Amino acid sequence: MARIRMQMELSRVVHGGARLGVLKGLGKTGQHSLEVPGCLLYTHFGTVPHLTQDTLHTLSNLPSTTQVTLSNIAEHQEVLEEFKDGFRKFSGLHDTVLYCSLHDPATPCPTGYTTNKTVSVWGSGGRIELTVSKFIALQKTVQPDWYQSMADGETWQINTSRKRVRKSVDRTLAHLDECLLLHQKSQELDGVRVLGVVEGGDILEERIRSAKETAKRPVAGFCLDGLQTGFMDQTLRTQLITAVIKELPDDKPRLLQGVGRPDEVMACVEAGVDLFEGFFPFQVTERGCALCFGFDFSPDPERAVLELNEEKDTAGETQQNGDLNCADQTQMTCFEINLKDKRYQDDFRPLVEGCGCYCCMNHQRAYLHHLLVTNELLAGVLLMIHNVSHYQSFFGALREALASDKLDLLKKRVLGDGGWQTERKV
């Protein structure tokens, strides 16, 4: 059988780096595609947190590619090997492209456990040390469509020494070469794509070296690692991404790990990133919050008045909440409202005016507040429905803005002119 080739078809490149297009030929038979810029569907062991498969599929515009992580899967290797038919069938993920990453982007990973021969992942039972051979054995068991190569990603902390960053790049390239060698010898992984990982911490020369060397290898795309939210200033992140992307081929996708906040997503798209991990809605849900930022950059006049009033209300809410740290992934951001707050107990508006998700069409803020303060499981279900829908719609608006040369308008709409912007830059 002829091997289907994954292809990046770009329709526009704007603002010097932002790419609009479609990633085609995905999946074993090549029947799937993924619009870029876009994000993956985030899961815990193949399940979107809080949502059953039936509930999930009531949502529209879901991405065609689902992310699973070895940190969730590694401890269940024996069960999956006995099952024999791969993780997709095991978890009921039938009509999707499966991408397997090393770590869960929503869970901090302890440092200090990487060696020249191994990396560690952390599951519910603790640390699991992986050699390249064990890593590839896991990929044979999972049977993904894409997987991220093994990498030493422990240099995301600012002020990591140059020597340690250099070692990280060397190790990651060595791991990639070993992974590719074992991959090419494996019949079970025939047709599966490998994404090479670009490391280099916050040192420009090492980032460029990592990108150049990774691009020489037969990889299907690139993971940009070590640029996570909370550990790097956006200006420095943009500088590093811009330099890295100059060294990467135009016809392969660039996936950025650990960044999900809307303002950072837009900045990274402008720098040339194609794909993001979709964990941000889950983090917002876990805080008992709802995404509420606007992204309709060409509303009708009547809608504009409604949304202007909504923004004024939300601006007051963010100031009163006080605990808004946009640099810390565990803290509430300026793009959400905290529904546990008492002010919502008599607020009978939907989470977001005009939102067409099931939660906003059927329930009010007061009801979500009640569910949260009484610890009802339904709170997480309804919030996740809304947050995933809102986030996917944001990416749709981002693509539309690129198509119509209105990215600047979208940025103003998302970021607003509130005082929080000044606080965020300090």
Protein backbone atom coordinates (compact mmCIF):
# COMPACT_ATOMS: atom_id res chain seq x y z
CA MET A 1 0.00 0.00 0.00
CA ALA A 2 1.33 3.44 -0.92
CA ARG A 3 2.23 5.56 2.07
CA ILE A 4 0.06 8.67 2.46
CA ARG A 5 2.19 11.78 2.84
CA MET A 6 1.22 14.45 5.36
CA GLN A 7 1.17 17.79 3.52
CA MET A 8 1.02 21.38 4.68
CA GLU A 9 -0.98 23.44 2.19
CA LEU A 10 -0.64 27.14 2.97
CA SER A 11 -3.19 29.60 1.60
CA ARG A 12 -1.63 32.73 3.12
CA VAL A 13 1.40 33.92 5.03
CA VAL A 14 0.70 37.29 6.64
CA HIS A 15 2.41 39.73 9.01
CA GLY A 16 5.72 38.20 8.02
CA GLY A 17 5.15 34.86 9.74
CA ALA A 18 1.52 33.97 10.55
CA ARG A 19 0.45 30.98 8.44
CA LEU A 20 -3.05 30.11 7.31
CA GLY A 21 -3.65 26.74 5.74
CA VAL A 22 -4.57 23.09 6.08
CA LEU A 23 -2.53 20.11 7.19
CA LYS A 24 -3.72 17.31 4.92
CA GLY A 25 -3.15 13.57 4.64
CA LEU A 26 -3.54 12.84 8.36
CA GLY A 27 -4.37 9.42 9.74
CA LYS A 28 -3.43 5.99 8.46
CA THR A 29 -5.51 6.43 5.29
CA GLY A 30 -4.95 10.16 4.94
CA GLN A 31 -8.65 10.98 5.24
CA HIS A 32 -8.26 13.64 7.96
CA SER A 33 -7.13 17.25 7.80
CA LEU A 34 -6.46 19.96 10.38
CA GLU A 35 -6.82 23.71 9.84
CA VAL A 36 -3.92 25.89 10.95
CA PRO A 37 -3.49 27.82 13.09
CA GLY A 38 -5.32 25.35 15.30
CA CYS A 39 -5.10 23.31 18.47
CA LEU A 40 -5.29 19.67 19.43
CA LEU A 41 -8.00 18.07 21.54
CA TYR A 42 -6.57 17.65 25.05
CA THR A 43 -7.31 14.39 26.93
CA HIS A 44 -6.45 12.46 30.07
CA PHE A 45 -5.84 8.86 29.01
CA GLY A 46 -7.94 9.42 25.89
CA THR A 47 -10.88 11.12 27.61
CA VAL A 48 -11.58 14.86 27.62
CA PRO A 49 -11.82 15.67 31.36
CA HIS A 50 -15.41 15.94 32.69
CA LEU A 51 -16.95 14.87 29.36
CA THR A 52 -18.21 11.47 28.20
CA GLN A 53 -17.68 10.57 24.54
CA ASP A 54 -21.39 11.15 23.85
CA THR A 55 -21.30 14.61 25.43
CA LEU A 56 -18.06 15.49 23.68
CA HIS A 57 -19.50 14.74 20.26
CA THR A 58 -22.39 17.14 20.79
CA LEU A 59 -19.78 19.91 20.50
CA SER A 60 -19.17 21.33 17.04
CA ASN A 61 -15.87 22.28 15.39
CA LEU A 62 -13.76 19.83 17.39
CA PRO A 63 -10.23 19.38 16.04
CA SER A 64 -9.50 16.20 14.11
CA THR A 65 -6.37 15.45 16.17
CA THR A 66 -6.47 14.14 19.74
CA GLN A 67 -3.52 14.39 22.14
CA VAL A 68 -2.65 11.60 24.55
CA THR A 69 0.43 11.55 26.77
CA LEU A 70 2.89 8.87 27.81
CA SER A 71 2.70 10.23 31.36
CA ASN A 72 -0.87 8.87 31.44
CA ILE A 73 -0.29 5.74 29.36
CA ALA A 74 3.12 4.32 30.39
CA GLU A 75 1.92 2.69 33.61
CA HIS A 76 -0.75 0.78 31.66
CA GLN A 77 1.61 -0.66 29.05
CA GLU A 78 1.00 -4.32 29.99
CA VAL A 79 -2.78 -3.93 29.74
CA LEU A 80 -2.49 -2.28 26.33
CA GLU A 81 -0.06 -4.92 25.07
CA GLU A 82 -2.52 -7.63 26.09
CA PHE A 83 -5.33 -5.74 24.33
CA LYS A 84 -3.18 -5.63 21.13
CA ASP A 85 -5.42 -3.32 19.06
CA GLY A 86 -3.88 0.01 20.03
CA PHE A 87 -4.91 2.87 22.26
CA ARG A 88 -7.39 4.39 19.82
CA LYS A 89 -9.67 1.35 19.95
CA PHE A 90 -8.99 0.77 23.66
CA SER A 91 -10.27 4.23 24.59
CA GLY A 92 -13.05 4.50 22.00
CA LEU A 93 -11.31 7.23 19.98
CA HIS A 94 -12.55 5.99 16.65
CA ASP A 95 -12.58 8.76 14.05
CA THR A 96 -9.60 10.85 15.07
CA VAL A 97 -5.89 11.36 14.44
CA LEU A 98 -3.88 10.33 17.50
CA TYR A 99 -0.88 12.38 18.64
CA CYS A 100 1.22 11.01 21.50
CA SER A 101 3.34 13.48 23.50
CA LEU A 102 5.79 12.76 26.28
CA HIS A 103 4.33 14.89 29.10
CA ASP A 104 0.92 16.25 30.09
CA PRO A 105 1.02 20.01 29.35
CA ALA A 106 -1.39 20.78 32.22
CA THR A 107 0.72 19.00 34.87
CA PRO A 108 4.08 20.31 36.11
CA CYS A 109 6.89 17.82 35.57
CA PRO A 110 9.61 17.49 38.24
CA THR A 111 13.13 18.19 37.04
CA GLY A 112 16.43 16.49 37.76
CA TYR A 113 15.55 13.01 36.48
CA THR A 114 16.94 13.08 32.93
CA THR A 115 20.12 11.17 32.03
CA ASN A 116 22.06 10.60 28.81
CA LYS A 117 20.08 7.39 28.24
CA THR A 118 16.68 8.01 29.84
CA VAL A 119 13.87 10.48 30.44
CA SER A 120 11.17 10.13 33.09
CA VAL A 121 7.40 10.56 32.93
CA TRP A 122 5.12 10.86 35.92
CA GLY A 123 1.88 8.90 36.19
CA SER A 124 -0.50 8.32 39.08
CA GLY A 125 1.85 5.65 40.42
CA GLY A 126 4.93 7.87 40.38
CA ARG A 127 8.00 8.10 38.17
CA ILE A 128 8.52 5.84 35.17
CA GLU A 129 11.97 5.88 33.59
CA LEU A 130 12.07 5.42 29.82
CA THR A 131 14.99 4.31 27.67
CA VAL A 132 14.63 4.83 23.92
CA SER A 133 13.85 1.14 23.42
CA LYS A 134 11.09 1.26 26.07
CA PHE A 135 9.81 4.51 24.58
CA ILE A 136 9.52 2.94 21.11
CA ALA A 137 7.93 -0.20 22.60
CA LEU A 138 5.28 2.07 24.12
CA GLN A 139 4.66 3.74 20.75
CA LYS A 140 4.17 0.30 19.16
CA THR A 141 1.59 -0.43 21.85
CA VAL A 142 -0.19 2.92 21.53
CA GLN A 143 -0.13 2.88 17.69
CA PRO A 144 -0.52 6.66 17.26
CA ASP A 145 -0.55 8.54 13.97
CA TRP A 146 2.10 10.99 15.21
CA TYR A 147 4.35 10.98 18.21
CA GLN A 148 6.82 13.40 19.75
CA SER A 149 10.36 12.06 19.87
CA MET A 150 12.00 11.50 23.25
CA ALA A 151 13.64 14.71 24.51
CA ASP A 152 15.44 16.33 27.40
CA GLY A 153 13.12 19.24 28.12
CA GLU A 154 14.40 20.23 31.53
CA THR A 155 15.83 23.61 30.54
CA TRP A 156 12.65 25.69 30.55
CA GLN A 157 13.68 27.40 33.77
CA ILE A 158 15.19 30.84 33.17
CA ASN A 159 18.91 31.13 34.01
CA THR A 160 19.66 27.46 33.34
CA SER A 161 23.39 27.32 32.65
CA ARG A 162 24.65 27.38 29.09
CA LYS A 163 26.43 24.06 29.69
CA ARG A 164 23.17 22.40 30.82
CA VAL A 165 21.25 23.83 27.85
CA ARG A 166 23.91 22.56 25.44
CA LYS A 167 23.69 19.12 27.02
CA SER A 168 19.89 19.21 26.63
CA VAL A 169 20.19 19.89 22.89
CA ASP A 170 22.82 17.17 22.45
CA ARG A 171 20.77 14.61 24.36
CA THR A 172 17.59 15.45 22.48
CA LEU A 173 19.32 15.03 19.09
CA ALA A 174 20.86 11.73 20.23
CA HIS A 175 17.44 10.52 21.42
CA LEU A 176 15.91 11.54 18.08
CA ASP A 177 18.53 9.62 16.09
CA GLU A 178 17.94 6.49 18.21
CA CYS A 179 14.18 6.85 17.95
CA LEU A 180 14.34 7.19 14.15
CA LEU A 181 16.63 4.18 13.87
CA LEU A 182 14.33 1.92 15.91
CA HIS A 183 11.25 3.42 14.26
CA GLN A 184 12.49 2.61 10.76
CA LYS A 185 13.16 -1.01 11.78
CA SER A 186 9.63 -1.45 13.15
CA GLN A 187 6.84 -2.76 10.92
CA GLU A 188 4.27 -1.77 13.55
CA LEU A 189 5.23 1.90 13.16
CA ASP A 190 5.12 1.93 9.37
CA GLY A 191 3.20 5.07 8.31
CA VAL A 192 3.48 6.66 11.77
CA ARG A 193 5.05 10.14 11.78
CA VAL A 194 7.73 11.37 14.17
CA LEU A 195 7.87 15.00 15.31
CA GLY A 196 11.36 16.19 16.23
CA VAL A 197 11.75 18.32 19.35
CA VAL A 198 13.53 21.68 19.32
CA GLU A 199 15.13 22.55 22.66
CA GLY A 200 17.64 25.21 23.71
CA GLY A 201 16.20 26.92 26.77
CA ASP A 202 16.47 30.71 26.56
CA ILE A 203 19.81 30.68 24.72
CA LEU A 204 19.39 31.85 21.13
CA GLU A 205 22.45 30.06 19.67
CA GLU A 206 21.38 26.72 21.15
CA ARG A 207 17.83 27.17 19.88
CA ILE A 208 19.14 27.79 16.38
CA ARG A 209 21.52 24.83 16.57
CA SER A 210 18.73 22.55 17.78
CA ALA A 211 16.42 23.71 14.97
CA LYS A 212 19.06 23.35 12.24
CA GLU A 213 20.10 19.85 13.33
CA THR A 214 16.52 18.63 13.86
CA ALA A 215 15.52 19.89 10.42
CA LYS A 216 18.25 17.70 8.88
CA ARG A 217 16.51 14.58 10.18
CA PRO A 218 13.57 12.83 8.41
CA VAL A 219 10.88 14.16 10.74
CA ALA A 220 7.30 15.07 9.76
CA GLY A 221 7.12 18.21 11.89
CA PHE A 222 8.55 20.01 14.88
CA CYS A 223 7.67 20.42 18.57
CA LEU A 224 8.92 23.65 20.08
CA ASP A 225 9.59 22.81 23.73
CA GLY A 226 10.72 24.76 26.78
CA LEU A 227 8.74 27.93 26.02
CA GLN A 228 5.91 27.31 28.46
CA THR A 229 3.62 29.93 29.93
CA GLY A 230 4.85 31.24 33.26
CA PHE A 231 8.53 30.56 32.61
CA MET A 232 9.32 32.93 29.78
CA ASP A 233 8.50 36.52 28.87
CA GLN A 234 6.47 36.76 25.66
CA THR A 235 8.97 39.13 24.03
CA LEU A 236 11.80 36.64 24.54
CA ARG A 237 9.56 33.75 23.46
CA THR A 238 8.68 35.54 20.22
CA GLN A 239 12.34 36.31 19.54
CA LEU A 240 13.33 32.66 20.03
CA ILE A 241 10.43 31.28 17.97
CA THR A 242 11.16 33.71 15.11
CA ALA A 243 14.82 32.65 15.04
CA VAL A 244 13.96 28.94 15.23
CA ILE A 245 11.37 29.06 12.45
CA LYS A 246 13.88 30.61 10.02
CA GLU A 247 15.74 27.29 10.25
CA LEU A 248 12.69 25.06 9.69
CA PRO A 249 11.18 24.02 6.34
CA ASP A 250 7.92 25.72 5.32
CA ASP A 251 6.16 22.48 4.39
CA LYS A 252 6.17 20.92 7.88
CA PRO A 253 4.00 21.88 10.88
CA ARG A 254 5.30 23.61 14.03
CA LEU A 255 3.62 22.60 17.28
CA LEU A 256 4.25 24.75 20.36
CA GLN A 257 4.09 22.97 23.71
CA GLY A 258 2.82 24.46 26.98
CA VAL A 259 1.29 27.71 25.66
CA GLY A 260 -2.48 28.18 25.60
CA ARG A 261 -3.43 31.65 26.82
CA PRO A 262 -5.19 33.63 24.04
CA ASP A 263 -2.84 36.63 24.05
CA GLU A 264 0.21 34.37 23.88
CA VAL A 265 -1.38 32.18 21.20
CA MET A 266 -1.89 35.22 18.95
CA ALA A 267 1.69 36.42 19.47
CA CYS A 268 3.06 32.95 18.70
CA VAL A 269 0.89 32.60 15.59
CA GLU A 270 2.32 35.90 14.34
CA ALA A 271 5.80 34.44 14.92
CA GLY A 272 4.96 31.40 12.76
CA VAL A 273 3.53 28.69 15.07
CA ASP A 274 0.88 26.42 13.49
CA LEU A 275 -0.44 24.21 16.29
CA PHE A 276 -1.05 24.39 20.03
CA GLU A 277 -1.97 21.90 22.75
CA GLY A 278 -5.58 22.40 23.83
CA PHE A 279 -5.14 22.18 27.61
CA PHE A 280 -6.09 25.77 28.50
CA PRO A 281 -9.90 25.18 28.71
CA PHE A 282 -9.25 22.34 31.17
CA GLN A 283 -7.12 24.55 33.41
CA VAL A 284 -9.82 27.23 33.39
CA THR A 285 -12.48 24.65 34.25
CA GLU A 286 -10.45 23.28 37.15
CA ARG A 287 -10.38 26.78 38.64
CA GLY A 288 -14.18 26.97 38.54
CA CYS A 289 -13.93 29.65 35.87
CA ALA A 290 -15.47 30.34 32.47
CA LEU A 291 -13.75 31.81 29.43
CA CYS A 292 -15.45 35.10 28.62
CA PHE A 293 -13.15 37.07 26.31
CA GLY A 294 -14.55 38.50 23.08
CA PHE A 295 -13.24 37.59 19.64
CA ASP A 296 -15.97 38.76 17.26
CA PHE A 297 -14.01 41.45 15.45
CA SER A 298 -16.86 42.48 13.09
CA PRO A 299 -20.11 42.33 15.11
CA ASP A 300 -23.36 43.96 14.00
CA PRO A 301 -24.16 47.29 15.75
CA GLU A 302 -26.80 45.85 18.11
CA ARG A 303 -24.50 42.99 19.12
CA ALA A 304 -21.64 45.45 19.60
CA VAL A 305 -23.64 47.43 22.17
CA LEU A 306 -24.51 44.24 24.08
CA GLU A 307 -20.90 43.09 24.09
CA LEU A 308 -19.63 46.51 25.13
CA ASN A 309 -21.89 46.37 28.19
CA GLU A 310 -20.74 42.82 28.86
CA GLU A 311 -17.08 43.92 28.71
CA LYS A 312 -17.71 46.74 31.18
CA ASP A 313 -19.25 44.24 33.61
CA THR A 314 -16.37 41.83 33.15
CA ALA A 315 -13.77 44.59 33.60
CA GLY A 316 -15.28 45.39 36.98
CA GLU A 317 -15.25 41.71 37.89
CA THR A 318 -11.57 41.23 37.07
CA GLN A 319 -10.56 44.21 39.15
CA GLN A 320 -12.56 42.98 42.13
CA ASN A 321 -11.21 39.46 41.86
CA GLY A 322 -7.75 40.85 42.46
CA ASP A 323 -5.88 37.55 42.12
CA LEU A 324 -5.17 37.75 38.39
CA ASN A 325 -1.70 36.54 37.54
CA CYS A 326 -1.40 36.09 33.78
CA ALA A 327 2.10 34.63 34.11
CA ASP A 328 1.14 31.67 36.34
CA GLN A 329 -0.73 28.76 34.79
CA THR A 330 -2.32 27.83 38.13
CA GLN A 331 -3.84 31.28 38.65
CA MET A 332 -6.91 32.86 37.14
CA THR A 333 -6.22 34.90 34.00
CA CYS A 334 -7.80 38.02 32.56
CA PHE A 335 -9.74 35.99 29.99
CA GLU A 336 -12.12 34.31 32.45
CA ILE A 337 -14.59 34.94 35.26
CA ASN A 338 -14.54 33.15 38.62
CA LEU A 339 -18.03 31.70 39.05
CA LYS A 340 -17.41 30.74 42.67
CA ASP A 341 -17.61 34.44 43.54
CA LYS A 342 -20.74 35.50 45.46
CA ARG A 343 -21.58 38.18 42.91
CA TYR A 344 -22.86 35.44 40.60
CA GLN A 345 -25.43 33.92 42.96
CA ASP A 346 -28.14 36.24 41.55
CA ASP A 347 -26.72 36.68 38.04
CA PHE A 348 -29.19 35.13 35.61
CA ARG A 349 -27.26 35.85 32.41
CA PRO A 350 -25.55 33.14 30.36
CA LEU A 351 -21.80 32.77 30.79
CA VAL A 352 -21.28 34.70 27.56
CA GLU A 353 -24.02 36.60 25.73
CA GLY A 354 -24.50 35.16 22.25
CA CYS A 355 -22.54 31.95 22.90
CA GLY A 356 -24.25 29.00 21.23
CA CYS A 357 -22.86 26.24 23.47
CA TYR A 358 -25.23 23.96 25.40
CA CYS A 359 -24.28 25.54 28.74
CA CYS A 360 -24.95 29.14 27.66
CA MET A 361 -28.14 28.21 25.82
CA ASN A 362 -29.65 26.39 28.81
CA HIS A 363 -28.14 27.69 32.06
CA GLN A 364 -27.26 30.91 33.86
CA ARG A 365 -24.26 32.07 35.85
CA ALA A 366 -26.26 31.75 39.07
CA TYR A 367 -26.83 28.03 38.42
CA LEU A 368 -23.13 27.42 37.71
CA HIS A 369 -22.28 29.32 40.91
CA HIS A 370 -24.66 27.06 42.86
CA LEU A 371 -23.16 23.88 41.33
CA LEU A 372 -19.65 25.01 42.19
CA VAL A 373 -20.27 26.03 45.80
CA THR A 374 -22.14 22.75 46.43
CA ASN A 375 -19.36 20.72 44.73
CA GLU A 376 -21.69 19.19 42.14
CA LEU A 377 -19.91 17.21 39.39
CA LEU A 378 -22.22 18.79 36.81
CA ALA A 379 -20.33 22.08 37.27
CA GLY A 380 -17.22 20.66 35.63
CA VAL A 381 -19.27 19.15 32.79
CA LEU A 382 -21.05 22.41 31.93
CA LEU A 383 -17.93 24.55 32.31
CA MET A 384 -15.87 22.21 30.15
CA ILE A 385 -18.56 22.24 27.44
CA HIS A 386 -18.48 26.03 27.37
CA ASN A 387 -14.71 26.45 27.71
CA VAL A 388 -13.84 23.97 24.96
CA SER A 389 -16.48 25.50 22.65
CA HIS A 390 -15.32 29.06 23.37
CA TYR A 391 -11.66 28.18 22.83
CA GLN A 392 -12.30 26.37 19.54
CA SER A 393 -14.40 29.32 18.35
CA PHE A 394 -11.48 31.62 19.19
CA PHE A 395 -9.22 29.59 16.89
CA GLY A 396 -11.91 29.80 14.19
CA ALA A 397 -11.93 33.59 14.61
CA LEU A 398 -8.14 33.63 14.44
CA ARG A 399 -8.17 31.82 11.10
CA GLU A 400 -10.92 34.12 9.82
CA ALA A 401 -8.92 37.18 10.87
CA LEU A 402 -5.85 35.92 9.00
CA ALA A 403 -7.95 35.21 5.92
CA SER A 404 -9.43 38.73 5.91
CA ASP A 405 -6.35 40.72 7.00
CA LYS A 406 -8.00 41.66 10.30
CA LEU A 407 -5.58 40.16 12.81
CA ASP A 408 -4.93 43.57 14.36
CA LEU A 409 -8.68 44.03 14.90
CA LEU A 410 -8.93 40.59 16.51
CA LYS A 411 -6.01 41.36 18.82
CA LYS A 412 -7.70 44.58 19.97
CA ARG A 413 -10.95 42.67 20.48
CA VAL A 414 -9.34 39.88 22.52
CA LEU A 415 -6.96 42.04 24.52
CA GLY A 416 -9.30 45.00 24.97
CA ASP A 417 -8.18 48.31 26.37
CA GLY A 418 -8.58 47.40 30.03
CA GLY A 419 -6.11 48.28 32.75
CA TRP A 420 -5.09 44.64 33.06
CA GLN A 421 -2.91 45.00 29.97
CA THR A 422 -0.67 47.48 31.75
CA GLU A 423 -0.50 45.21 34.80
CA ARG A 424 0.40 42.25 32.61
CA LYS A 425 3.34 44.07 31.01
CA VAL A 426 4.87 45.13 34.33
